[in-house]
Structure formats: C-alpha cells, structure tokens
Amino acid sequence: MMSKPTEAIDLAEAALLIAQEEYPGLDVGAYLGHLDRMADELGKQLRLRDDPQRKIEALNDYLFGDLKFTGNTEAYYDPRNSFLNEVLDRRTGIPITLSTVYLEVGWRLGLPLHGVGFPGHFLVKYSAGKEEIILDPFHRGSILTEEECQTRLDQVYDGRVHFRPGFLAAATKRQILTRILANLKGIYVAAKDYRRALAAVERILLIDSTLAPEIRDRGILRMQLGQAPQAIADLEWYVTTNPQAEDVEEVRKRLRDCRQAQASLN
C-alpha cells in the first residue's frame, strides 16, 4: 500500500492494518464497512443541507451527539486510542484518530476535508474555494478561530510556541499515518515496551525510509533489545549523514557504548 501515490492510499485501511499488527484477527473489511454504513446513515441527513456550516453541524451532531464519540481525556495515553478499530468500537480516542474517523465519514460524503498536522493537537479543516473552517474533532468538532488555535498551543507548550498560519497546512495521508505511529512509539517507549516501540519505528520507515530521527531511534531501540550489530549500523549511519545534528555527540556516545558492549561479547 505504501508504494501508492499518497492520495491513492486508503487512510482507514492503512490505519486498520497498523492495528492489525496488535490484533492479528482484526477484520479490516468489517471496519471499513462500518465506516460506509456511518456515512450512509449521515448522508440521509445531509441531502437538504448545502451550506458548509450546516454540513459540519450535521456531521458533528451525528458523530458526537448520536454516536457519542468523545475525546479520551481520562486515559489519553492508552495505546488503544491510537488503533482505529478500538476507536470505532469504544467511540473514544485521541485527536488524530478521532480526526481519522471524521475525515473518513466526511470523505465518503464528498466533503472537502483535510487533516491538519497542528503541533501537539491534530485538527481537521473544511476547505472549499476561499472558505476554510478549522475543526477540532477531539472537542466535538468545535470550530476554532486563530485565537483558539493559540489556546490549543498554550495548553501543550505553555506559551512557548506562537501560532503561525503554516501550522494549518493540510497533512498528507502518509503524514497522518506517520503521526499515528509516532504516538504509539512514544507511548511504548514511556512504558519501556521497546519491542512494540521498535515495531512502530519500522512501520514509520516503511512509509518514509529517509527519516533520519527514526533511523536514530531504531538504533537506540535495537540497543535496548540487545541487537548490537543492527544498532551499530543505524547509529553509524546517523552520525555519518547528520554530522551537524544537535544530538550528534549524544548519539556518538551511544554508539561507543554499543561498540564496547558488542566487543565484550567477542
């Protein structure tokens, strides 16, 4: 699937294939059919609603009113929030997976929606001609002003990051999938579940094999898992190709430690 042009990628199918790694028996087709039925049901309500604001209201009423999807504020870092099947079953998730549901239902109805890789809090925008509406599916699809976007930044970065229009650029499907996997990686690293974290990194690199920070992180995780030869190869590549990186000295130290550990086994 990742060999396709980015717009030809089926976002929901790819997200479900990510989940299938954790749930080997997951029926991808059944969940895609569920999204189809959701869109069919909502479509009956949208036929008489031509105004973008009313279309958004209908989509919000359906997802967050009728179906009661909600942002998971109580267990935000539960890995289930990053798996689309769990989000559809439990009707709760984090910004990026709730946005994925929002996008997929909207796309099935022909709505001009785009994911927005906003720093620290994924969003959606409705974009038709010169009209652009910023939406927050984590907060029931609320419409955001520029000032409210700054508030979202302040909640994450404590005033250290200031809003820029570029933060609202449309995200590609590859970028959305990469961010889902990066969230999982962070959760697993925090839990010291290095095997699952490594699996997430390897899937990110299937999407884009040139991401230097991910190759670095793969090396670090391989160190944690005792895969010294593979770790050395990744870290050597990183320090050789990124000699000006801010963390290059730290990575060189890790590389020396890894070489010493490997030498002690010989």
C-alpha atoms as a PDB file:
ATOM      1  CA  MET A   1       0.000   0.000   0.000  1.00  0.00           C
ATOM      2  CA  MET A   2       2.813   2.439   0.818  1.00  0.00           C
ATOM      3  CA  SER A   3       4.095   2.176  -2.750  1.00  0.00           C
ATOM      4  CA  LYS A   4       0.992   4.044  -3.953  1.00  0.00           C
ATOM      5  CA  PRO A   5       0.881   7.804  -4.501  1.00  0.00           C
ATOM      6  CA  THR A   6      -0.092   9.378  -1.203  1.00  0.00           C
ATOM      7  CA  GLU A   7      -3.592  10.417  -2.318  1.00  0.00           C
ATOM      8  CA  ALA A   8      -4.300   6.889  -3.559  1.00  0.00           C
ATOM      9  CA  ILE A   9      -3.696   5.481  -0.085  1.00  0.00           C
ATOM     10  CA  ASP A  10      -6.844   4.417   1.768  1.00  0.00           C
ATOM     11  CA  LEU A  11      -6.265   6.107   5.129  1.00  0.00           C
ATOM     12  CA  ALA A  12      -8.734   3.998   7.099  1.00  0.00           C
ATOM     13  CA  GLU A  13      -7.474   0.741   5.607  1.00  0.00           C
ATOM     14  CA  ALA A  14      -3.852   1.677   6.344  1.00  0.00           C
ATOM     15  CA  ALA A  15      -4.735   2.683   9.920  1.00  0.00           C
ATOM     16  CA  LEU A  16      -6.533  -0.625  10.398  1.00  0.00           C
ATOM     17  CA  LEU A  17      -3.530  -2.526   9.039  1.00  0.00           C
ATOM     18  CA  ILE A  18      -1.435  -0.765  11.697  1.00  0.00           C
ATOM     19  CA  ALA A  19      -3.939  -2.001  14.283  1.00  0.00           C
ATOM     20  CA  GLN A  20      -3.869  -5.493  12.802  1.00  0.00           C
ATOM     21  CA  GLU A  21      -0.283  -5.837  13.997  1.00  0.00           C
ATOM     22  CA  GLU A  22      -1.628  -5.644  17.552  1.00  0.00           C
ATOM     23  CA  TYR A  23      -4.883  -7.505  16.785  1.00  0.00           C
ATOM     24  CA  PRO A  24      -3.946 -10.300  14.337  1.00  0.00           C
ATOM     25  CA  GLY A  25      -7.552 -11.430  13.879  1.00  0.00           C
ATOM     26  CA  LEU A  26      -8.858  -7.978  13.061  1.00  0.00           C
ATOM     27  CA  ASP A  27     -11.309  -7.964  10.120  1.00  0.00           C
ATOM     28  CA  VAL A  28     -10.243  -4.856   8.181  1.00  0.00           C
ATOM     29  CA  GLY A  29     -13.129  -5.162   5.732  1.00  0.00           C
ATOM     30  CA  ALA A  30     -15.712  -5.245   8.507  1.00  0.00           C
ATOM     31  CA  TYR A  31     -14.472  -1.948   9.954  1.00  0.00           C
ATOM     32  CA  LEU A  32     -14.350  -0.323   6.525  1.00  0.00           C
ATOM     33  CA  GLY A  33     -17.949  -1.458   6.073  1.00  0.00           C
ATOM     34  CA  HIS A  34     -18.810   0.119   9.409  1.00  0.00           C
ATOM     35  CA  LEU A  35     -17.487   3.464   8.177  1.00  0.00           C
ATOM     36  CA  ASP A  36     -19.511   3.041   4.986  1.00  0.00           C
ATOM     37  CA  ARG A  37     -22.702   2.477   6.984  1.00  0.00           C
ATOM     38  CA  MET A  38     -21.996   5.510   9.162  1.00  0.00           C
ATOM     39  CA  ALA A  39     -21.639   7.667   6.062  1.00  0.00           C
ATOM     40  CA  ASP A  40     -24.805   6.209   4.516  1.00  0.00           C
ATOM     41  CA  GLU A  41     -26.790   6.989   7.624  1.00  0.00           C
ATOM     42  CA  LEU A  42     -25.480  10.536   7.859  1.00  0.00           C
ATOM     43  CA  GLY A  43     -25.913  11.084   4.123  1.00  0.00           C
ATOM     44  CA  LYS A  44     -29.669  10.881   4.514  1.00  0.00           C
ATOM     45  CA  GLN A  45     -29.485  13.922   6.772  1.00  0.00           C
ATOM     46  CA  LEU A  46     -27.122  15.912   4.551  1.00  0.00           C
ATOM     47  CA  ARG A  47     -29.111  15.919   1.343  1.00  0.00           C
ATOM     48  CA  LEU A  48     -31.004  19.059   2.282  1.00  0.00           C
ATOM     49  CA  ARG A  49     -28.029  20.797   3.840  1.00  0.00           C
ATOM     50  CA  ASP A  50     -25.956  22.623   1.247  1.00  0.00           C
ATOM     51  CA  ASP A  51     -24.376  25.258   3.475  1.00  0.00           C
ATOM     52  CA  PRO A  52     -20.894  24.227   4.727  1.00  0.00           C
ATOM     53  CA  GLN A  53     -21.711  25.319   8.263  1.00  0.00           C
ATOM     54  CA  ARG A  54     -24.840  23.170   8.277  1.00  0.00           C
ATOM     55  CA  LYS A  55     -22.954  20.201   6.827  1.00  0.00           C
ATOM     56  CA  ILE A  56     -20.403  20.488   9.607  1.00  0.00           C
ATOM     57  CA  GLU A  57     -23.166  20.815  12.194  1.00  0.00           C
ATOM     58  CA  ALA A  58     -24.798  17.663  10.835  1.00  0.00           C
ATOM     59  CA  LEU A  59     -21.526  15.738  10.900  1.00  0.00           C
ATOM     60  CA  ASN A  60     -20.821  16.915  14.446  1.00  0.00           C
ATOM     61  CA  ASP A  61     -24.348  16.122  15.635  1.00  0.00           C
ATOM     62  CA  TYR A  62     -24.108  12.641  14.179  1.00  0.00           C
ATOM     63  CA  LEU A  63     -20.641  11.675  15.419  1.00  0.00           C
ATOM     64  CA  PHE A  64     -20.618  13.415  18.786  1.00  0.00           C
ATOM     65  CA  GLY A  65     -24.342  13.544  19.524  1.00  0.00           C
ATOM     66  CA  ASP A  66     -25.953  10.437  18.057  1.00  0.00           C
ATOM     67  CA  LEU A  67     -22.920   8.121  18.222  1.00  0.00           C
ATOM     68  CA  LYS A  68     -21.322   9.838  21.234  1.00  0.00           C
ATOM     69  CA  PHE A  69     -17.726   9.800  20.041  1.00  0.00           C
ATOM     70  CA  THR A  70     -15.604  11.670  22.565  1.00  0.00           C
ATOM     71  CA  GLY A  71     -12.019  12.631  23.283  1.00  0.00           C
ATOM     72  CA  ASN A  72     -10.428  10.325  25.843  1.00  0.00           C
ATOM     73  CA  THR A  73      -9.244  12.771  28.484  1.00  0.00           C
ATOM     74  CA  GLU A  74      -9.167  10.192  31.281  1.00  0.00           C
ATOM     75  CA  ALA A  75      -6.731   7.764  29.650  1.00  0.00           C
ATOM     76  CA  TYR A  76      -5.148   9.859  26.895  1.00  0.00           C
ATOM     77  CA  TYR A  77      -2.007   7.692  26.646  1.00  0.00           C
ATOM     78  CA  ASP A  78      -3.821   4.368  26.468  1.00  0.00           C
ATOM     79  CA  PRO A  79      -2.439   2.783  23.267  1.00  0.00           C
ATOM     80  CA  ARG A  80      -5.965   1.689  22.315  1.00  0.00           C
ATOM     81  CA  ASN A  81      -6.663   5.337  21.482  1.00  0.00           C
ATOM     82  CA  SER A  82      -4.274   5.016  18.531  1.00  0.00           C
ATOM     83  CA  PHE A  83      -5.913   1.925  16.999  1.00  0.00           C
ATOM     84  CA  LEU A  84      -8.778   2.752  14.654  1.00  0.00           C
ATOM     85  CA  ASN A  85     -10.711  -0.440  15.424  1.00  0.00           C
ATOM     86  CA  GLU A  86     -10.665   0.393  19.138  1.00  0.00           C
ATOM     87  CA  VAL A  87     -11.716   3.981  18.459  1.00  0.00           C
ATOM     88  CA  LEU A  88     -14.680   2.770  16.402  1.00  0.00           C
ATOM     89  CA  ASP A  89     -15.643   0.133  18.981  1.00  0.00           C
ATOM     90  CA  ARG A  90     -15.192   2.276  22.096  1.00  0.00           C
ATOM     91  CA  ARG A  91     -16.078   5.600  20.431  1.00  0.00           C
ATOM     92  CA  THR A  92     -13.239   7.396  22.118  1.00  0.00           C
ATOM     93  CA  GLY A  93      -9.724   8.314  21.093  1.00  0.00           C
ATOM     94  CA  ILE A  94      -7.098  10.997  20.738  1.00  0.00           C
ATOM     95  CA  PRO A  95      -7.157  13.938  18.299  1.00  0.00           C
ATOM     96  CA  ILE A  96      -5.567  12.138  15.357  1.00  0.00           C
ATOM     97  CA  THR A  97      -7.708   9.002  15.463  1.00  0.00           C
ATOM     98  CA  LEU A  98     -10.943  10.905  16.052  1.00  0.00           C
ATOM     99  CA  SER A  99      -9.883  13.117  13.141  1.00  0.00           C
ATOM    100  CA  THR A 100      -9.375   9.988  11.037  1.00  0.00           C
ATOM    101  CA  VAL A 101     -12.958   8.904  11.738  1.00  0.00           C
ATOM    102  CA  TYR A 102     -14.160  12.438  10.973  1.00  0.00           C
ATOM    103  CA  LEU A 103     -12.242  12.537   7.694  1.00  0.00           C
ATOM    104  CA  GLU A 104     -13.308   9.100   6.548  1.00  0.00           C
ATOM    105  CA  VAL A 105     -17.011   9.698   7.148  1.00  0.00           C
ATOM    106  CA  GLY A 106     -16.793  13.154   5.576  1.00  0.00           C
ATOM    107  CA  TRP A 107     -14.839  11.929   2.542  1.00  0.00           C
ATOM    108  CA  ARG A 108     -17.435   9.258   1.874  1.00  0.00           C
ATOM    109  CA  LEU A 109     -19.968  12.069   1.598  1.00  0.00           C
ATOM    110  CA  GLY A 110     -17.798  14.178  -0.689  1.00  0.00           C
ATOM    111  CA  LEU A 111     -16.923  16.800   1.915  1.00  0.00           C
ATOM    112  CA  PRO A 112     -13.684  18.710   1.173  1.00  0.00           C
ATOM    113  CA  LEU A 113     -11.941  17.838   4.436  1.00  0.00           C
ATOM    114  CA  HIS A 114      -8.212  17.716   5.153  1.00  0.00           C
ATOM    115  CA  GLY A 115      -6.189  16.589   8.120  1.00  0.00           C
ATOM    116  CA  VAL A 116      -4.120  19.310   9.775  1.00  0.00           C
ATOM    117  CA  GLY A 117      -0.866  18.338  11.495  1.00  0.00           C
ATOM    118  CA  PHE A 118      -1.194  21.120  14.062  1.00  0.00           C
ATOM    119  CA  PRO A 119       1.605  20.987  16.663  1.00  0.00           C
ATOM    120  CA  GLY A 120       0.612  18.878  19.639  1.00  0.00           C
ATOM    121  CA  HIS A 121      -3.057  18.565  18.667  1.00  0.00           C
ATOM    122  CA  PHE A 122      -4.230  17.163  15.337  1.00  0.00           C
ATOM    123  CA  LEU A 123      -7.097  19.062  13.675  1.00  0.00           C
ATOM    124  CA  VAL A 124      -9.280  18.942  10.549  1.00  0.00           C
ATOM    125  CA  LYS A 125     -10.184  21.687   8.109  1.00  0.00           C
ATOM    126  CA  TYR A 126     -13.059  22.120   5.699  1.00  0.00           C
ATOM    127  CA  SER A 127     -11.646  23.806   2.616  1.00  0.00           C
ATOM    128  CA  ALA A 128     -13.760  24.791  -0.370  1.00  0.00           C
ATOM    129  CA  GLY A 129     -12.505  27.601  -2.567  1.00  0.00           C
ATOM    130  CA  LYS A 130     -11.610  30.533  -0.364  1.00  0.00           C
ATOM    131  CA  GLU A 131     -13.655  29.192   2.532  1.00  0.00           C
ATOM    132  CA  GLU A 132     -11.685  27.429   5.249  1.00  0.00           C
ATOM    133  CA  ILE A 133     -13.061  26.218   8.574  1.00  0.00           C
ATOM    134  CA  ILE A 134     -10.781  24.733  11.259  1.00  0.00           C
ATOM    135  CA  LEU A 135     -12.339  21.936  13.304  1.00  0.00           C
ATOM    136  CA  ASP A 136     -11.329  20.053  16.444  1.00  0.00           C
ATOM    137  CA  PRO A 137     -12.795  16.513  16.487  1.00  0.00           C
ATOM    138  CA  PHE A 138     -11.288  15.885  19.937  1.00  0.00           C
ATOM    139  CA  HIS A 139     -13.621  18.595  21.246  1.00  0.00           C
ATOM    140  CA  ARG A 140     -16.825  17.559  19.473  1.00  0.00           C
ATOM    141  CA  GLY A 141     -15.849  19.138  16.149  1.00  0.00           C
ATOM    142  CA  SER A 142     -15.753  22.666  17.550  1.00  0.00           C
ATOM    143  CA  ILE A 143     -14.858  25.428  15.088  1.00  0.00           C
ATOM    144  CA  LEU A 144     -11.628  27.219  16.007  1.00  0.00           C
ATOM    145  CA  THR A 145     -10.572  30.797  15.499  1.00  0.00           C
ATOM    146  CA  GLU A 146      -6.907  31.780  15.258  1.00  0.00           C
ATOM    147  CA  GLU A 147      -7.039  32.814  18.929  1.00  0.00           C
ATOM    148  CA  GLU A 148      -8.450  29.424  19.902  1.00  0.00           C
ATOM    149  CA  CYS A 149      -5.678  27.729  17.908  1.00  0.00           C
ATOM    150  CA  GLN A 150      -3.217  29.685  20.060  1.00  0.00           C
ATOM    151  CA  THR A 151      -5.032  28.428  23.149  1.00  0.00           C
ATOM    152  CA  ARG A 152      -4.513  24.846  21.949  1.00  0.00           C
ATOM    153  CA  LEU A 153      -0.804  25.596  21.546  1.00  0.00           C
ATOM    154  CA  ASP A 154      -0.605  27.129  25.016  1.00  0.00           C
ATOM    155  CA  GLN A 155      -2.195  24.027  26.531  1.00  0.00           C
ATOM    156  CA  VAL A 156       0.584  21.888  25.065  1.00  0.00           C
ATOM    157  CA  TYR A 157       3.583  24.232  25.007  1.00  0.00           C
ATOM    158  CA  ASP A 158       2.848  26.591  27.916  1.00  0.00           C
ATOM    159  CA  GLY A 159       3.147  29.750  25.820  1.00  0.00           C
ATOM    160  CA  ARG A 160       6.475  28.824  24.189  1.00  0.00           C
ATOM    161  CA  VAL A 161       5.039  28.350  20.698  1.00  0.00           C
ATOM    162  CA  HIS A 162       3.199  31.100  18.826  1.00  0.00           C
ATOM    163  CA  PHE A 163       0.607  30.456  16.161  1.00  0.00           C
ATOM    164  CA  ARG A 164       1.657  30.607  12.507  1.00  0.00           C
ATOM    165  CA  PRO A 165      -0.669  30.138   9.509  1.00  0.00           C
ATOM    166  CA  GLY A 166       1.632  27.373   8.273  1.00  0.00           C
ATOM    167  CA  PHE A 167       0.519  25.251  11.238  1.00  0.00           C
ATOM    168  CA  LEU A 168      -2.815  24.822   9.431  1.00  0.00           C
ATOM    169  CA  ALA A 169      -1.357  23.303   6.253  1.00  0.00           C
ATOM    170  CA  ALA A 170      -3.060  20.151   5.029  1.00  0.00           C
ATOM    171  CA  ALA A 171      -1.378  16.913   6.093  1.00  0.00           C
ATOM    172  CA  THR A 172      -0.886  14.099   3.601  1.00  0.00           C
ATOM    173  CA  LYS A 173      -2.163  10.621   4.369  1.00  0.00           C
ATOM    174  CA  ARG A 174       1.427   9.464   4.813  1.00  0.00           C
ATOM    175  CA  GLN A 175       1.964  12.206   7.378  1.00  0.00           C
ATOM    176  CA  ILE A 176      -1.194  11.201   9.235  1.00  0.00           C
ATOM    177  CA  LEU A 177      -0.136   7.554   9.392  1.00  0.00           C
ATOM    178  CA  THR A 178       3.372   8.539  10.476  1.00  0.00           C
ATOM    179  CA  ARG A 179       1.942  10.629  13.300  1.00  0.00           C
ATOM    180  CA  ILE A 180      -0.292   7.777  14.487  1.00  0.00           C
ATOM    181  CA  LEU A 181       2.756   5.516  14.627  1.00  0.00           C
ATOM    182  CA  ALA A 182       4.871   8.202  16.311  1.00  0.00           C
ATOM    183  CA  ASN A 183       2.234   8.484  19.037  1.00  0.00           C
ATOM    184  CA  LEU A 184       2.379   4.735  19.557  1.00  0.00           C
ATOM    185  CA  LYS A 185       6.167   4.809  19.632  1.00  0.00           C
ATOM    186  CA  GLY A 186       6.142   7.472  22.340  1.00  0.00           C
ATOM    187  CA  ILE A 187       3.624   5.545  24.447  1.00  0.00           C
ATOM    188  CA  TYR A 188       5.624   2.317  24.173  1.00  0.00           C
ATOM    189  CA  VAL A 189       8.962   3.983  24.929  1.00  0.00           C
ATOM    190  CA  ALA A 190       7.460   5.580  28.042  1.00  0.00           C
ATOM    191  CA  ALA A 191       6.249   2.127  29.117  1.00  0.00           C
ATOM    192  CA  LYS A 192       9.680   0.602  28.290  1.00  0.00           C
ATOM    193  CA  ASP A 193       7.964  -1.703  25.817  1.00  0.00           C
ATOM    194  CA  TYR A 194      10.864  -1.483  23.402  1.00  0.00           C
ATOM    195  CA  ARG A 195       9.738  -4.357  21.193  1.00  0.00           C
ATOM    196  CA  ARG A 196       6.476  -2.622  20.298  1.00  0.00           C
ATOM    197  CA  ALA A 197       8.236   0.740  20.028  1.00  0.00           C
ATOM    198  CA  LEU A 198      10.683  -0.766  17.532  1.00  0.00           C
ATOM    199  CA  ALA A 199       7.797  -2.208  15.519  1.00  0.00           C
ATOM    200  CA  ALA A 200       6.248   1.276  15.330  1.00  0.00           C
ATOM    201  CA  VAL A 201       9.531   2.777  14.116  1.00  0.00           C
ATOM    202  CA  GLU A 202       9.942   0.094  11.475  1.00  0.00           C
ATOM    203  CA  ARG A 203       6.473   0.879  10.153  1.00  0.00           C
ATOM    204  CA  ILE A 204       7.251   4.589  10.054  1.00  0.00           C
ATOM    205  CA  LEU A 205      10.297   3.753   7.957  1.00  0.00           C
ATOM    206  CA  LEU A 206       8.129   1.719   5.594  1.00  0.00           C
ATOM    207  CA  ILE A 207       6.225   4.955   4.965  1.00  0.00           C
ATOM    208  CA  ASP A 208       9.383   7.056   4.585  1.00  0.00           C
ATOM    209  CA  SER A 209      12.748   5.320   4.734  1.00  0.00           C
ATOM    210  CA  THR A 210      14.662   8.638   4.749  1.00  0.00           C
ATOM    211  CA  LEU A 211      13.565   9.912   8.184  1.00  0.00           C
ATOM    212  CA  ALA A 212      16.894  10.294   9.972  1.00  0.00           C
ATOM    213  CA  PRO A 213      15.446  10.670  13.503  1.00  0.00           C
ATOM    214  CA  GLU A 214      13.571   7.399  13.070  1.00  0.00           C
ATOM    215  CA  ILE A 215      16.720   5.576  11.930  1.00  0.00           C
ATOM    216  CA  ARG A 216      18.472   7.011  15.011  1.00  0.00           C
ATOM    217  CA  ASP A 217      15.621   5.857  17.248  1.00  0.00           C
ATOM    218  CA  ARG A 218      15.614   2.431  15.633  1.00  0.00           C
ATOM    219  CA  GLY A 219      19.284   2.129  16.551  1.00  0.00           C
ATOM    220  CA  ILE A 220      18.628   3.185  20.145  1.00  0.00           C
ATOM    221  CA  LEU A 221      15.761   0.730  20.480  1.00  0.00           C
ATOM    222  CA  ARG A 222      17.838  -2.051  18.975  1.00  0.00           C
ATOM    223  CA  MET A 223      20.464  -1.308  21.632  1.00  0.00           C
ATOM    224  CA  GLN A 224      17.799  -1.702  24.313  1.00  0.00           C
ATOM    225  CA  LEU A 225      16.786  -5.041  22.809  1.00  0.00           C
ATOM    226  CA  GLY A 226      20.343  -6.369  22.609  1.00  0.00           C
ATOM    227  CA  GLN A 227      20.556  -6.172  18.814  1.00  0.00           C
ATOM    228  CA  ALA A 228      24.025  -4.637  18.836  1.00  0.00           C
ATOM    229  CA  PRO A 229      25.139  -5.170  15.198  1.00  0.00           C
ATOM    230  CA  GLN A 230      21.925  -3.672  13.818  1.00  0.00           C
ATOM    231  CA  ALA A 231      22.043  -0.843  16.360  1.00  0.00           C
ATOM    232  CA  ILE A 232      25.633  -0.001  15.418  1.00  0.00           C
ATOM    233  CA  ALA A 233      24.707   0.133  11.725  1.00  0.00           C
ATOM    234  CA  ASP A 234      21.835   2.557  12.384  1.00  0.00           C
ATOM    235  CA  LEU A 235      23.807   4.831  14.705  1.00  0.00           C
ATOM    236  CA  GLU A 236      26.832   4.878  12.394  1.00  0.00           C
ATOM    237  CA  TRP A 237      24.567   5.907   9.533  1.00  0.00           C
ATOM    238  CA  TYR A 238      23.055   8.695  11.636  1.00  0.00           C
ATOM    239  CA  VAL A 239      26.316  10.276  12.810  1.00  0.00           C
ATOM    240  CA  THR A 240      27.851   9.986   9.336  1.00  0.00           C
ATOM    241  CA  THR A 241      24.955  11.533   7.445  1.00  0.00           C
ATOM    242  CA  ASN A 242      23.928  14.089  10.098  1.00  0.00           C
ATOM    243  CA  PRO A 243      27.212  15.491  11.466  1.00  0.00           C
ATOM    244  CA  GLN A 244      25.578  18.859  12.274  1.00  0.00           C
ATOM    245  CA  ALA A 245      22.611  17.434  14.197  1.00  0.00           C
ATOM    246  CA  GLU A 246      22.139  18.923  17.659  1.00  0.00           C
ATOM    247  CA  ASP A 247      22.202  15.483  19.264  1.00  0.00           C
ATOM    248  CA  VAL A 248      25.095  14.047  17.247  1.00  0.00           C
ATOM    249  CA  GLU A 249      27.505  13.967  20.212  1.00  0.00           C
ATOM    250  CA  GLU A 250      24.961  12.156  22.355  1.00  0.00           C
ATOM    251  CA  VAL A 251      24.415   9.643  19.565  1.00  0.00           C
ATOM    252  CA  ARG A 252      28.193   9.178  19.166  1.00  0.00           C
ATOM    253  CA  LYS A 253      28.367   8.338  22.879  1.00  0.00           C
ATOM    254  CA  ARG A 254      25.596   5.779  22.478  1.00  0.00           C
ATOM    255  CA  LEU A 255      27.472   4.346  19.507  1.00  0.00           C
ATOM    256  CA  ARG A 256      30.671   3.997  21.549  1.00  0.00           C
ATOM    257  CA  ASP A 257      28.740   2.294  24.331  1.00  0.00           C
ATOM    258  CA  CYS A 258      27.161  -0.066  21.855  1.00  0.00           C
ATOM    259  CA  ARG A 259      30.509  -0.943  20.299  1.00  0.00           C
ATOM    260  CA  GLN A 260      32.018  -1.590  23.711  1.00  0.00           C
ATOM    261  CA  ALA A 261      29.097  -3.824  24.650  1.00  0.00           C
ATOM    262  CA  GLN A 262      29.476  -5.737  21.397  1.00  0.00           C
ATOM    263  CA  ALA A 263      33.259  -6.084  21.875  1.00  0.00           C
ATOM    264  CA  SER A 264      32.767  -7.523  25.338  1.00  0.00           C
ATOM    265  CA  LEU A 265      30.797 -10.379  23.808  1.00  0.00           C
ATOM    266  CA  ASN A 266      33.583 -11.328  21.396  1.00  0.00           C
END
